[in-house]
Amino acid sequence: MSEQKEYESSFFYFENPTMRGLYDCLVNWQNAAQEHILSLNIQQENENFCCIVLTNSQDLARTPLTLYQEDMARFRRKALKHIGVGVDFSTNEIKPEKILEIQIKLEKCKTPTEVKKVFLEAYSID
């Protein structure tokens, strides 16, 4: 079972018995918390993989989102409400080809983690 403990406003602690579980925990946390990770350190302690994350949420709060980022966030929220469906979405900020590419991938998703991964991959291509 994964665990997160907040020590200070910019430090977070995670642990999980598997590296894959720790990765999923970190991805889910970052997507939900919208924190900007400055650094992280992963070590194995006994039978768990442990991670300490340093964030700088103040920088993120000062950086306004672009219209593209806002629309991608809206698209992602809508997709998370309709897992396994290539949800309809239109905007002038995201190219129609990109929307179609995301919709096709969303139809294959079975979990919220898979949906989030589709959007992470879409951002990594930008």
Protein backbone atom coordinates (compact mmCIF):
# COMPACT_ATOMS: atom_id res chain seq x y z
CA MET A 1 0.00 0.00 0.00
CA SER A 2 1.41 3.37 -0.94
CA GLU A 3 1.71 6.19 1.52
CA GLN A 4 2.33 9.91 1.27
CA LYS A 5 3.28 12.11 4.21
CA GLU A 6 3.70 15.87 4.05
CA TYR A 7 6.67 17.03 6.12
CA GLU A 8 6.81 20.68 5.03
CA SER A 9 5.03 22.65 2.37
CA SER A 10 7.61 21.71 -0.27
CA PHE A 11 8.64 18.19 0.78
CA PHE A 12 6.58 15.07 0.20
CA TYR A 13 7.27 11.44 1.07
CA PHE A 14 5.98 8.41 -0.84
CA GLU A 15 6.55 4.70 -0.46
CA ASN A 16 5.34 1.57 -2.19
CA PRO A 17 6.40 -2.09 -2.23
CA THR A 18 7.02 -1.97 -6.01
CA MET A 19 8.80 0.53 -8.22
CA ARG A 20 5.85 0.49 -10.65
CA GLY A 21 3.49 1.23 -7.76
CA LEU A 22 5.69 4.11 -6.65
CA TYR A 23 5.75 5.48 -10.19
CA ASP A 24 1.95 5.30 -10.46
CA CYS A 25 1.60 6.96 -7.06
CA LEU A 26 3.89 9.83 -8.10
CA VAL A 27 2.14 10.34 -11.44
CA ASN A 28 -1.30 10.34 -9.82
CA TRP A 29 -0.15 12.73 -7.10
CA GLN A 30 1.49 15.14 -9.56
CA ASN A 31 -1.57 15.15 -11.81
CA ALA A 32 -3.91 15.77 -8.88
CA ALA A 33 -1.75 18.23 -6.96
CA GLN A 34 -0.40 20.06 -10.02
CA GLU A 35 2.91 20.51 -8.19
CA HIS A 36 6.12 21.34 -10.03
CA ILE A 37 8.80 18.82 -9.00
CA LEU A 38 12.20 20.39 -8.50
CA SER A 39 13.94 17.14 -7.54
CA LEU A 40 13.27 13.68 -6.24
CA ASN A 41 15.29 10.89 -4.68
CA ILE A 42 14.30 7.23 -4.71
CA GLN A 43 15.88 4.68 -2.40
CA GLN A 44 14.97 1.19 -1.29
CA GLU A 45 14.31 0.83 2.43
CA ASN A 46 13.64 -2.69 3.71
CA GLU A 47 11.00 -4.03 1.32
CA ASN A 48 9.68 -0.68 0.07
CA PHE A 49 10.75 1.83 -2.53
CA CYS A 50 10.75 5.28 -0.91
CA CYS A 51 10.79 8.69 -2.53
CA ILE A 52 11.27 12.21 -1.21
CA VAL A 53 10.02 14.92 -3.56
CA LEU A 54 10.95 18.58 -3.39
CA THR A 55 8.43 20.91 -5.02
CA ASN A 56 8.14 24.60 -5.62
CA SER A 57 4.41 25.19 -5.76
CA GLN A 58 4.90 28.96 -5.40
CA ASP A 59 6.49 29.15 -8.86
CA LEU A 60 3.63 27.15 -10.35
CA ALA A 61 1.06 29.44 -8.75
CA ARG A 62 2.70 32.51 -10.30
CA THR A 63 2.88 31.04 -13.78
CA PRO A 64 -0.47 31.53 -15.54
CA LEU A 65 -1.61 28.75 -17.83
CA THR A 66 -1.76 29.35 -21.54
CA LEU A 67 -5.09 28.89 -23.32
CA TYR A 68 -3.68 25.67 -24.78
CA GLN A 69 -2.82 24.34 -21.30
CA GLU A 70 -6.24 25.31 -19.95
CA ASP A 71 -7.99 23.52 -22.82
CA MET A 72 -5.79 20.43 -22.43
CA ALA A 73 -6.71 20.37 -18.72
CA ARG A 74 -10.44 20.66 -19.58
CA PHE A 75 -10.08 17.89 -22.19
CA ARG A 76 -8.31 15.67 -19.64
CA ARG A 77 -10.97 16.28 -16.96
CA LYS A 78 -13.72 15.39 -19.44
CA ALA A 79 -11.86 12.23 -20.52
CA LEU A 80 -11.44 11.16 -16.89
CA LYS A 81 -15.22 11.31 -16.46
CA HIS A 82 -15.78 9.09 -19.52
CA ILE A 83 -13.06 6.41 -19.45
CA GLY A 84 -12.96 4.19 -22.53
CA VAL A 85 -14.65 6.79 -24.74
CA GLY A 86 -13.06 9.10 -27.32
CA VAL A 87 -14.92 12.07 -25.85
CA ASP A 88 -15.99 14.94 -28.08
CA PHE A 89 -13.92 18.04 -27.57
CA SER A 90 -13.39 21.12 -29.68
CA THR A 91 -11.27 24.20 -29.25
CA ASN A 92 -9.27 26.61 -31.33
CA GLU A 93 -6.21 26.12 -29.10
CA ILE A 94 -5.59 22.41 -29.78
CA LYS A 95 -5.07 21.28 -33.36
CA PRO A 96 -7.87 18.99 -34.65
CA GLU A 97 -5.28 16.32 -35.56
CA LYS A 98 -4.04 16.25 -31.97
CA ILE A 99 -7.59 16.01 -30.60
CA LEU A 100 -8.30 13.09 -32.95
CA GLU A 101 -5.05 11.35 -31.96
CA ILE A 102 -5.92 11.70 -28.27
CA GLN A 103 -9.52 10.53 -28.84
CA ILE A 104 -8.33 7.35 -30.56
CA LYS A 105 -6.00 6.56 -27.66
CA LEU A 106 -8.72 7.34 -25.09
CA GLU A 107 -11.01 4.69 -26.58
CA LYS A 108 -8.46 2.04 -25.54
CA CYS A 109 -8.15 3.28 -21.94
CA LYS A 110 -9.61 1.25 -19.10
CA THR A 111 -8.33 3.15 -16.05
CA PRO A 112 -7.80 6.76 -14.94
CA THR A 113 -4.04 6.12 -14.96
CA GLU A 114 -4.17 5.14 -18.64
CA VAL A 115 -6.15 8.31 -19.47
CA LYS A 116 -3.60 10.46 -17.62
CA LYS A 117 -0.79 8.72 -19.47
CA VAL A 118 -2.38 9.64 -22.81
CA PHE A 119 -2.31 13.32 -21.83
CA LEU A 120 1.22 13.11 -20.42
CA GLU A 121 2.38 11.66 -23.74
CA ALA A 122 0.52 14.39 -25.63
CA TYR A 123 2.33 17.05 -23.60
CA SER A 124 5.69 15.37 -24.11
CA ILE A 125 5.25 15.62 -27.89
CA ASP A 126 4.47 19.36 -27.76
